[in-house]
C-alpha atoms as a PDB file:
ATOM      1  CA  MET A   1      -0.028   0.008  -0.026  1.00  0.00           C
ATOM      2  CA  LEU A   2       1.230   3.594  -0.788  1.00  0.00           C
ATOM      3  CA  THR A   3       0.827   5.991   2.148  1.00  0.00           C
ATOM      4  CA  ILE A   4       1.113   9.928   1.537  1.00  0.00           C
ATOM      5  CA  ASN A   5       1.466  11.920   4.580  1.00  0.00           C
ATOM      6  CA  GLN A   6       1.482  15.198   3.050  1.00  0.00           C
ATOM      7  CA  TYR A   7       0.325  16.784  -0.234  1.00  0.00           C
ATOM      8  CA  VAL A   8       1.574  19.981  -2.011  1.00  0.00           C
ATOM      9  CA  LYS A   9       0.526  21.298  -5.341  1.00  0.00           C
ATOM     10  CA  ALA A  10       3.730  23.031  -6.310  1.00  0.00           C
ATOM     11  CA  SER A  11       3.446  26.867  -7.189  1.00  0.00           C
ATOM     12  CA  SER A  12       6.715  26.954  -8.879  1.00  0.00           C
ATOM     13  CA  LEU A  13       9.366  24.529 -10.217  1.00  0.00           C
ATOM     14  CA  GLU A  14      11.786  25.955  -7.598  1.00  0.00           C
ATOM     15  CA  GLU A  15       9.395  25.050  -4.935  1.00  0.00           C
ATOM     16  CA  ALA A  16       8.864  21.634  -6.415  1.00  0.00           C
ATOM     17  CA  TYR A  17      12.664  21.185  -6.743  1.00  0.00           C
ATOM     18  CA  GLU A  18      13.330  22.048  -3.086  1.00  0.00           C
ATOM     19  CA  LEU A  19      10.664  19.801  -1.827  1.00  0.00           C
ATOM     20  CA  ASN A  20      12.001  16.933  -3.852  1.00  0.00           C
ATOM     21  CA  GLN A  21      15.461  17.104  -2.406  1.00  0.00           C
ATOM     22  CA  LYS A  22      14.199  14.990   0.788  1.00  0.00           C
ATOM     23  CA  ARG A  23      14.415  11.266   0.028  1.00  0.00           C
ATOM     24  CA  SER A  24      11.057  10.522   1.456  1.00  0.00           C
ATOM     25  CA  ASN A  25       9.313  13.059  -0.943  1.00  0.00           C
ATOM     26  CA  VAL A  26       8.121  12.186  -4.445  1.00  0.00           C
ATOM     27  CA  VAL A  27       6.907  13.909  -7.551  1.00  0.00           C
ATOM     28  CA  LEU A  28       3.541  12.641  -8.662  1.00  0.00           C
ATOM     29  CA  GLY A  29       3.067  12.029 -12.312  1.00  0.00           C
ATOM     30  CA  GLY A  30      -0.424  10.369 -13.343  1.00  0.00           C
ATOM     31  CA  MET A  31      -0.082   8.139 -10.116  1.00  0.00           C
ATOM     32  CA  LEU A  32      -0.519   4.848 -12.077  1.00  0.00           C
ATOM     33  CA  TRP A  33       2.842   3.093 -11.416  1.00  0.00           C
ATOM     34  CA  LEU A  34       3.544   4.956  -8.066  1.00  0.00           C
ATOM     35  CA  LYS A  35       0.400   3.886  -6.513  1.00  0.00           C
ATOM     36  CA  MET A  36       1.377   0.238  -7.162  1.00  0.00           C
ATOM     37  CA  GLN A  37       4.355   0.624  -4.917  1.00  0.00           C
ATOM     38  CA  LYS A  38       4.575  -0.238  -1.248  1.00  0.00           C
ATOM     39  CA  ARG A  39       5.974   2.729   0.329  1.00  0.00           C
ATOM     40  CA  ASN A  40       5.488   5.619   2.831  1.00  0.00           C
ATOM     41  CA  VAL A  41       5.723   8.941   1.030  1.00  0.00           C
ATOM     42  CA  GLY A  42       6.652  12.097   3.167  1.00  0.00           C
ATOM     43  CA  THR A  43       5.355  14.745   0.775  1.00  0.00           C
ATOM     44  CA  ALA A  44       3.629  14.212  -2.468  1.00  0.00           C
ATOM     45  CA  ILE A  45       4.566  16.880  -5.033  1.00  0.00           C
ATOM     46  CA  ASP A  46       2.006  17.736  -7.698  1.00  0.00           C
ATOM     47  CA  LEU A  47       3.171  19.467 -10.714  1.00  0.00           C
ATOM     48  CA  SER A  48      -0.064  19.942 -12.434  1.00  0.00           C
ATOM     49  CA  GLY A  49      -0.494  23.776 -11.524  1.00  0.00           C
ATOM     50  CA  LEU A  50       2.801  24.530 -13.587  1.00  0.00           C
ATOM     51  CA  GLY A  51       1.652  24.762 -17.046  1.00  0.00           C
ATOM     52  CA  LEU A  52       3.535  21.569 -17.948  1.00  0.00           C
ATOM     53  CA  ASP A  53       0.524  19.789 -19.674  1.00  0.00           C
ATOM     54  CA  THR A  54       0.577  21.069 -23.137  1.00  0.00           C
ATOM     55  CA  ILE A  55       2.710  20.181 -26.313  1.00  0.00           C
ATOM     56  CA  GLU A  56       4.183  23.263 -27.972  1.00  0.00           C
ATOM     57  CA  GLU A  57       5.453  23.596 -31.495  1.00  0.00           C
ATOM     58  CA  THR A  58       8.039  25.808 -32.640  1.00  0.00           C
ATOM     59  CA  GLU A  59       9.916  25.940 -35.936  1.00  0.00           C
ATOM     60  CA  SER A  60      12.482  23.564 -34.837  1.00  0.00           C
ATOM     61  CA  GLU A  61      10.936  21.218 -32.228  1.00  0.00           C
ATOM     62  CA  PHE A  62       7.933  19.960 -30.204  1.00  0.00           C
ATOM     63  CA  ARG A  63       8.252  20.557 -26.593  1.00  0.00           C
ATOM     64  CA  ILE A  64       6.076  18.149 -24.706  1.00  0.00           C
ATOM     65  CA  GLY A  65       5.419  19.144 -21.106  1.00  0.00           C
ATOM     66  CA  ALA A  66       6.011  16.599 -18.399  1.00  0.00           C
ATOM     67  CA  MET A  67       2.472  16.406 -17.421  1.00  0.00           C
ATOM     68  CA  VAL A  68       1.204  15.846 -21.032  1.00  0.00           C
ATOM     69  CA  THR A  69      -0.697  12.564 -21.052  1.00  0.00           C
ATOM     70  CA  LEU A  70       0.046   9.681 -23.249  1.00  0.00           C
ATOM     71  CA  ARG A  71      -3.280  10.054 -24.982  1.00  0.00           C
ATOM     72  CA  GLN A  72      -2.260  13.621 -25.875  1.00  0.00           C
ATOM     73  CA  MET A  73       0.877  12.384 -27.404  1.00  0.00           C
ATOM     74  CA  GLU A  74      -0.952   9.547 -29.219  1.00  0.00           C
ATOM     75  CA  ILE A  75      -3.480  11.843 -31.002  1.00  0.00           C
ATOM     76  CA  HIS A  76      -1.162  14.870 -31.643  1.00  0.00           C
ATOM     77  CA  LYS A  77      -1.340  15.486 -35.388  1.00  0.00           C
ATOM     78  CA  GLY A  78       1.939  17.159 -35.614  1.00  0.00           C
ATOM     79  CA  LEU A  79       4.034  14.713 -33.984  1.00  0.00           C
ATOM     80  CA  ASN A  80       2.600  11.773 -35.863  1.00  0.00           C
ATOM     81  CA  ASP A  81       2.869  13.517 -39.150  1.00  0.00           C
ATOM     82  CA  LEU A  82       6.629  13.975 -38.375  1.00  0.00           C
ATOM     83  CA  THR A  83       7.101  10.412 -37.348  1.00  0.00           C
ATOM     84  CA  GLN A  84       4.708   8.696 -39.837  1.00  0.00           C
ATOM     85  CA  GLY A  85       2.641   7.660 -36.965  1.00  0.00           C
ATOM     86  CA  ALA A  86       5.311   6.034 -34.819  1.00  0.00           C
ATOM     87  CA  ALA A  87       4.378   8.426 -31.868  1.00  0.00           C
ATOM     88  CA  ARG A  88       0.925   6.940 -31.885  1.00  0.00           C
ATOM     89  CA  GLU A  89       1.751   3.447 -32.340  1.00  0.00           C
ATOM     90  CA  SER A  90       4.454   3.668 -29.382  1.00  0.00           C
ATOM     91  CA  VAL A  91       1.575   4.306 -26.932  1.00  0.00           C
ATOM     92  CA  ARG A  92      -1.745   2.975 -28.369  1.00  0.00           C
ATOM     93  CA  HIS A  93      -1.366  -0.511 -26.952  1.00  0.00           C
ATOM     94  CA  ILE A  94      -0.698   0.630 -23.312  1.00  0.00           C
ATOM     95  CA  VAL A  95      -3.634  -0.680 -21.277  1.00  0.00           C
ATOM     96  CA  GLY A  96      -6.446   1.397 -22.584  1.00  0.00           C
ATOM     97  CA  VAL A  97      -7.630   4.976 -23.344  1.00  0.00           C
ATOM     98  CA  GLN A  98      -8.718   5.663 -19.847  1.00  0.00           C
ATOM     99  CA  PHE A  99      -5.255   4.684 -18.542  1.00  0.00           C
ATOM    100  CA  ARG A 100      -3.573   6.843 -21.313  1.00  0.00           C
ATOM    101  CA  ASN A 101      -5.677   9.742 -20.250  1.00  0.00           C
ATOM    102  CA  MET A 102      -3.948   9.822 -16.967  1.00  0.00           C
ATOM    103  CA  ALA A 103      -0.403   8.402 -17.468  1.00  0.00           C
ATOM    104  CA  THR A 104       1.891  11.121 -18.136  1.00  0.00           C
ATOM    105  CA  VAL A 105       5.038  11.331 -20.551  1.00  0.00           C
ATOM    106  CA  GLY A 106       7.159  12.821 -17.752  1.00  0.00           C
ATOM    107  CA  GLY A 107       6.420   9.827 -15.426  1.00  0.00           C
ATOM    108  CA  SER A 108       7.120   7.304 -18.223  1.00  0.00           C
ATOM    109  CA  VAL A 109      10.442   8.834 -19.161  1.00  0.00           C
ATOM    110  CA  PHE A 110      11.637   9.888 -15.721  1.00  0.00           C
ATOM    111  CA  GLY A 111      11.078   6.241 -14.520  1.00  0.00           C
ATOM    112  CA  ARG A 112      13.130   4.819 -17.187  1.00  0.00           C
ATOM    113  CA  TYR A 113      11.198   1.684 -16.971  1.00  0.00           C
ATOM    114  CA  GLY A 114      12.492  -1.590 -18.788  1.00  0.00           C
ATOM    115  CA  PHE A 115       9.136  -2.149 -20.224  1.00  0.00           C
ATOM    116  CA  SER A 116       8.608   1.333 -21.486  1.00  0.00           C
ATOM    117  CA  ASP A 117       7.327   1.859 -25.100  1.00  0.00           C
ATOM    118  CA  VAL A 118       7.416   5.561 -24.718  1.00  0.00           C
ATOM    119  CA  LEU A 119      11.285   5.485 -23.816  1.00  0.00           C
ATOM    120  CA  THR A 120      11.969   3.165 -26.913  1.00  0.00           C
ATOM    121  CA  PHE A 121      10.368   5.678 -29.137  1.00  0.00           C
ATOM    122  CA  LEU A 122      11.869   8.944 -27.957  1.00  0.00           C
ATOM    123  CA  MET A 123      15.325   7.380 -27.785  1.00  0.00           C
ATOM    124  CA  ALA A 124      14.941   6.433 -31.563  1.00  0.00           C
ATOM    125  CA  ALA A 125      13.453   9.935 -32.427  1.00  0.00           C
ATOM    126  CA  GLY A 126      16.497  11.522 -31.253  1.00  0.00           C
ATOM    127  CA  ALA A 127      14.610  13.350 -28.406  1.00  0.00           C
ATOM    128  CA  GLU A 128      15.937  15.167 -25.404  1.00  0.00           C
ATOM    129  CA  VAL A 129      14.809  15.931 -21.942  1.00  0.00           C
ATOM    130  CA  GLU A 130      14.859  19.159 -19.994  1.00  0.00           C
ATOM    131  CA  LEU A 131      15.746  18.975 -16.414  1.00  0.00           C
ATOM    132  CA  TYR A 132      15.040  22.024 -14.004  1.00  0.00           C
ATOM    133  CA  LYS A 133      18.731  22.174 -12.795  1.00  0.00           C
ATOM    134  CA  ARG A 134      20.826  19.951 -15.234  1.00  0.00           C
ATOM    135  CA  GLY A 135      19.249  21.427 -18.440  1.00  0.00           C
ATOM    136  CA  ARG A 136      19.026  19.471 -21.848  1.00  0.00           C
ATOM    137  CA  LEU A 137      20.553  16.052 -22.723  1.00  0.00           C
ATOM    138  CA  SER A 138      19.661  13.321 -24.990  1.00  0.00           C
ATOM    139  CA  VAL A 139      17.135  10.827 -23.918  1.00  0.00           C
ATOM    140  CA  GLU A 140      19.753   8.095 -24.864  1.00  0.00           C
ATOM    141  CA  GLU A 141      22.101   9.440 -22.267  1.00  0.00           C
ATOM    142  CA  PHE A 142      19.367  10.336 -19.732  1.00  0.00           C
ATOM    143  CA  ALA A 143      17.972   6.637 -19.661  1.00  0.00           C
ATOM    144  CA  TYR A 144      21.436   5.385 -18.185  1.00  0.00           C
ATOM    145  CA  LEU A 145      22.048   8.179 -15.600  1.00  0.00           C
ATOM    146  CA  PRO A 146      21.669   7.241 -11.867  1.00  0.00           C
ATOM    147  CA  TYR A 147      18.301   8.350 -10.437  1.00  0.00           C
ATOM    148  CA  ASP A 148      18.458  11.745  -8.715  1.00  0.00           C
ATOM    149  CA  ASN A 149      16.239  14.383  -7.145  1.00  0.00           C
ATOM    150  CA  ASP A 150      16.084  16.840 -10.441  1.00  0.00           C
ATOM    151  CA  ILE A 151      12.589  17.714 -12.026  1.00  0.00           C
ATOM    152  CA  LEU A 152      11.928  16.765 -15.518  1.00  0.00           C
ATOM    153  CA  THR A 153      10.023  19.595 -17.241  1.00  0.00           C
ATOM    154  CA  TYR A 154       9.956  18.788 -20.919  1.00  0.00           C
ATOM    155  CA  VAL A 155      10.814  16.216 -23.660  1.00  0.00           C
ATOM    156  CA  ILE A 156      11.893  17.633 -26.741  1.00  0.00           C
ATOM    157  CA  VAL A 157      11.509  15.969 -30.100  1.00  0.00           C
ATOM    158  CA  PRO A 158      13.407  17.987 -32.883  1.00  0.00           C
ATOM    159  CA  LYS A 159      11.750  18.634 -36.219  1.00  0.00           C
ATOM    160  CA  ARG A 160      14.063  17.003 -38.671  1.00  0.00           C
ATOM    161  CA  PRO A 161      13.569  14.916 -41.747  1.00  0.00           C
ATOM    162  CA  VAL A 162      12.691  11.565 -40.180  1.00  0.00           C
ATOM    163  CA  ARG A 163      11.645   8.228 -41.456  1.00  0.00           C
ATOM    164  CA  ALA A 164      10.256   6.153 -38.483  1.00  0.00           C
ATOM    165  CA  ALA A 165       8.502   2.831 -37.611  1.00  0.00           C
ATOM    166  CA  TYR A 166       7.473   1.424 -34.395  1.00  0.00           C
ATOM    167  CA  LEU A 167       6.678  -2.367 -33.845  1.00  0.00           C
ATOM    168  CA  SER A 168       6.136  -4.313 -30.797  1.00  0.00           C
ATOM    169  CA  GLN A 169       5.430  -8.030 -29.663  1.00  0.00           C
ATOM    170  CA  ARG A 170       2.851  -8.594 -27.164  1.00  0.00           C
ATOM    171  CA  ASN A 171       1.352 -11.770 -25.656  1.00  0.00           C
ATOM    172  CA  THR A 172      -1.990 -10.009 -25.445  1.00  0.00           C
ATOM    173  CA  LYS A 173      -2.977  -6.693 -26.803  1.00  0.00           C
ATOM    174  CA  THR A 174      -2.921  -4.446 -23.734  1.00  0.00           C
ATOM    175  CA  ASP A 175      -0.173  -6.154 -22.012  1.00  0.00           C
ATOM    176  CA  PHE A 176       3.541  -5.048 -21.468  1.00  0.00           C
ATOM    177  CA  PRO A 177       5.470  -5.537 -24.656  1.00  0.00           C
ATOM    178  CA  VAL A 178       7.565  -8.833 -24.875  1.00  0.00           C
ATOM    179  CA  LEU A 179       9.946  -6.716 -26.875  1.00  0.00           C
ATOM    180  CA  ALA A 180       9.617  -3.393 -28.629  1.00  0.00           C
ATOM    181  CA  CYS A 181      11.701  -1.996 -31.668  1.00  0.00           C
ATOM    182  CA  CYS A 182      11.789   1.411 -33.219  1.00  0.00           C
ATOM    183  CA  VAL A 183      13.691   2.238 -36.136  1.00  0.00           C
ATOM    184  CA  THR A 184      14.258   5.715 -37.461  1.00  0.00           C
ATOM    185  CA  GLU A 185      16.371   7.216 -40.208  1.00  0.00           C
ATOM    186  CA  ILE A 186      17.557  10.736 -39.174  1.00  0.00           C
ATOM    187  CA  GLU A 187      19.787  12.680 -41.615  1.00  0.00           C
ATOM    188  CA  GLY A 188      21.050   9.519 -43.018  1.00  0.00           C
ATOM    189  CA  GLU A 189      21.690   7.747 -39.781  1.00  0.00           C
ATOM    190  CA  ILE A 190      19.843   4.560 -39.047  1.00  0.00           C
ATOM    191  CA  ARG A 191      18.945   4.301 -35.331  1.00  0.00           C
ATOM    192  CA  CYS A 192      17.501   0.781 -34.036  1.00  0.00           C
ATOM    193  CA  VAL A 193      16.370   1.094 -30.494  1.00  0.00           C
ATOM    194  CA  VAL A 194      15.280  -2.168 -28.693  1.00  0.00           C
ATOM    195  CA  GLY A 195      13.119  -1.764 -25.590  1.00  0.00           C
ATOM    196  CA  ALA A 196      11.570  -4.302 -23.173  1.00  0.00           C
ATOM    197  CA  ARG A 197      14.530  -6.612 -23.336  1.00  0.00           C
ATOM    198  CA  PRO A 198      13.302  -6.571 -20.581  1.00  0.00           C
ATOM    199  CA  MET A 199      15.867  -4.033 -19.587  1.00  0.00           C
ATOM    200  CA  LYS A 200      16.028  -0.389 -20.583  1.00  0.00           C
ATOM    201  CA  ALA A 201      15.848   0.526 -24.265  1.00  0.00           C
ATOM    202  CA  VAL A 202      19.183   0.438 -26.033  1.00  0.00           C
ATOM    203  CA  CYS A 203      20.112   2.072 -29.375  1.00  0.00           C
ATOM    204  CA  LEU A 204      21.944   0.049 -32.087  1.00  0.00           C
ATOM    205  CA  ARG A 205      23.508   1.630 -35.265  1.00  0.00           C
ATOM    206  CA  ASP A 206      24.592   0.525 -38.566  1.00  0.00           C
ATOM    207  CA  GLU A 207      28.196   0.124 -37.467  1.00  0.00           C
ATOM    208  CA  LYS A 208      29.091  -2.413 -40.070  1.00  0.00           C
ATOM    209  CA  GLY A 209      27.620  -0.611 -42.967  1.00  0.00           C
ATOM    210  CA  LEU A 210      25.094  -3.009 -43.869  1.00  0.00           C
ATOM    211  CA  LEU A 211      22.689  -0.473 -45.002  1.00  0.00           C
ATOM    212  CA  ALA A 212      24.885   2.005 -46.697  1.00  0.00           C
ATOM    213  CA  GLU A 213      23.631   1.239 -50.028  1.00  0.00           C
ATOM    214  CA  GLY A 214      19.991   1.779 -49.060  1.00  0.00           C
ATOM    215  CA  ILE A 215      17.221  -0.539 -47.644  1.00  0.00           C
ATOM    216  CA  THR A 216      16.425  -3.631 -49.499  1.00  0.00           C
ATOM    217  CA  GLU A 217      15.044  -6.998 -48.706  1.00  0.00           C
ATOM    218  CA  GLU A 218      18.627  -8.330 -48.549  1.00  0.00           C
ATOM    219  CA  SER A 219      20.068  -5.587 -46.552  1.00  0.00           C
ATOM    220  CA  ALA A 220      17.224  -5.437 -44.052  1.00  0.00           C
ATOM    221  CA  GLU A 221      17.714  -9.245 -43.761  1.00  0.00           C
ATOM    222  CA  LYS A 222      21.246  -8.642 -42.874  1.00  0.00           C
ATOM    223  CA  PHE A 223      20.663  -5.996 -40.252  1.00  0.00           C
ATOM    224  CA  GLY A 224      18.044  -7.691 -38.581  1.00  0.00           C
ATOM    225  CA  ALA A 225      20.576 -10.651 -38.208  1.00  0.00           C
ATOM    226  CA  TYR A 226      23.061  -8.267 -36.944  1.00  0.00           C
ATOM    227  CA  VAL A 227      20.469  -6.937 -34.289  1.00  0.00           C
ATOM    228  CA  SER A 228      19.587 -10.515 -33.282  1.00  0.00           C
ATOM    229  CA  GLU A 229      23.227 -11.258 -32.595  1.00  0.00           C
ATOM    230  CA  THR A 230      24.394  -8.000 -30.871  1.00  0.00           C
ATOM    231  CA  VAL A 231      21.246  -7.031 -28.585  1.00  0.00           C
ATOM    232  CA  GLU A 232      21.559  -8.047 -25.072  1.00  0.00           C
ATOM    233  CA  THR A 233      18.445  -9.567 -23.526  1.00  0.00           C
ATOM    234  CA  SER A 234      17.108 -11.589 -20.538  1.00  0.00           C
ATOM    235  CA  SER A 235      14.386 -13.807 -19.566  1.00  0.00           C
ATOM    236  CA  ASN A 236      11.272 -13.089 -17.619  1.00  0.00           C
ATOM    237  CA  LEU A 237       7.641 -14.535 -17.415  1.00  0.00           C
ATOM    238  CA  ARG A 238       6.887 -13.089 -20.879  1.00  0.00           C
ATOM    239  CA  GLY A 239       9.659 -14.457 -22.940  1.00  0.00           C
ATOM    240  CA  SER A 240      13.294 -15.907 -22.732  1.00  0.00           C
ATOM    241  CA  ALA A 241      16.236 -14.201 -23.698  1.00  0.00           C
ATOM    242  CA  GLN A 242      16.830 -16.322 -26.908  1.00  0.00           C
ATOM    243  CA  TYR A 243      13.079 -15.536 -28.018  1.00  0.00           C
ATOM    244  CA  ARG A 244      13.734 -12.001 -27.493  1.00  0.00           C
ATOM    245  CA  LYS A 245      16.929 -12.008 -29.462  1.00  0.00           C
ATOM    246  CA  ILE A 246      14.983 -13.610 -32.372  1.00  0.00           C
ATOM    247  CA  ILE A 247      12.032 -11.137 -32.351  1.00  0.00           C
ATOM    248  CA  ALA A 248      14.390  -8.262 -32.112  1.00  0.00           C
ATOM    249  CA  GLY A 249      15.921  -9.329 -35.606  1.00  0.00           C
ATOM    250  CA  VAL A 250      12.603  -9.883 -37.061  1.00  0.00           C
ATOM    251  CA  LEU A 251      11.045  -6.579 -35.693  1.00  0.00           C
ATOM    252  CA  ALA A 252      14.091  -4.639 -36.887  1.00  0.00           C
ATOM    253  CA  LYS A 253      13.909  -5.967 -40.364  1.00  0.00           C
ATOM    254  CA  ARG A 254      10.171  -5.298 -40.667  1.00  0.00           C
ATOM    255  CA  ALA A 255      10.713  -1.874 -39.367  1.00  0.00           C
ATOM    256  CA  LEU A 256      13.414  -1.129 -41.964  1.00  0.00           C
ATOM    257  CA  LEU A 257      11.155  -2.315 -44.641  1.00  0.00           C
ATOM    258  CA  GLN A 258       8.204  -0.252 -43.437  1.00  0.00           C
ATOM    259  CA  ILE A 259      10.156   2.873 -43.546  1.00  0.00           C
ATOM    260  CA  ALA A 260      11.626   2.050 -47.031  1.00  0.00           C
ATOM    261  CA  GLY A 261       8.006   1.432 -48.012  1.00  0.00           C
ATOM    262  CA  GLU A 262       6.810   4.770 -46.747  1.00  0.00           C
ATOM    263  CA  GLU A 263       9.366   6.566 -48.570  1.00  0.00           C
ATOM    264  CA  GLU A 264       8.419   4.896 -51.867  1.00  0.00           C
ATOM    265  CA  LYS A 265       4.782   5.619 -51.194  1.00  0.00           C
ATOM    266  CA  LYS A 266       5.846   9.458 -50.891  1.00  0.00           C
ATOM    267  CA  GLU A 267       7.672   9.432 -53.950  1.00  0.00           C
ATOM    268  CA  LYS A 268       4.857   7.941 -56.002  1.00  0.00           C
ATOM    269  CA  GLU A 269       2.433  10.372 -54.302  1.00  0.00           C
ATOM    270  CA  GLN A 270       4.691  13.216 -55.451  1.00  0.00           C
ATOM    271  CA  GLU A 271       4.917  11.833 -58.963  1.00  0.00           C
ATOM    272  CA  GLY A 272       1.119  11.831 -59.138  1.00  0.00           C
ATOM    273  CA  ARG A 273       0.990  15.452 -58.147  1.00  0.00           C
ATOM    274  CA  ASN A 274       3.454  16.460 -60.709  1.00  0.00           C
END
């Protein structure tokens, strides 16, 4: 059972930060994973009054407030247009709409959960986090930092030309993923992020140049085999380490062929307009 001794709705980020320096205190997100814990909380810190519940768009980036819900991210047209629907695909299987209307992006990212679809997608998208004291750093770097008492304020997705595909393997539709895979091509670089290993998401790059000549059935097959051989996995109730390795290669290949197909589709549409 979760026991909360005191609740404070923070009036500023500075107040939230100062309160969060005490070990027994905790920042509330959507209160969905937190309430499952067995712990005694001194002060629960609510960030809902700090204007962090919107997705702001500028010429160069999308700024996703920490209190934005997964549902807001799921249905955001700009994010989905940029990522060919990968933003939506990364969250639409998470429990149900009611759950996604409460779970927050900030809570999902700051928790750095091994099962996180959200972390997998954002790492592949080259996203950054903005911390109140530390400032901005990449999600890829942030995911492996030790937990501290800083406050996550925004997740930033840069607006760069990107091809993206998000795939996951689940035993049942709304369950945690057995394995998740997001592949992106950003400014010529292929990033393949494998999550729910069941460890934290990890980013693999085409270090062997298997895709140097472009994405074809053959090169995608080779890259999938490379992912399967390279990625570190382990076992739990949802699947064995070896099964996850096999699935990682299959999903990586499918995601590559999907982004190649999206590019071909765009080219045909452009030819039709001309």
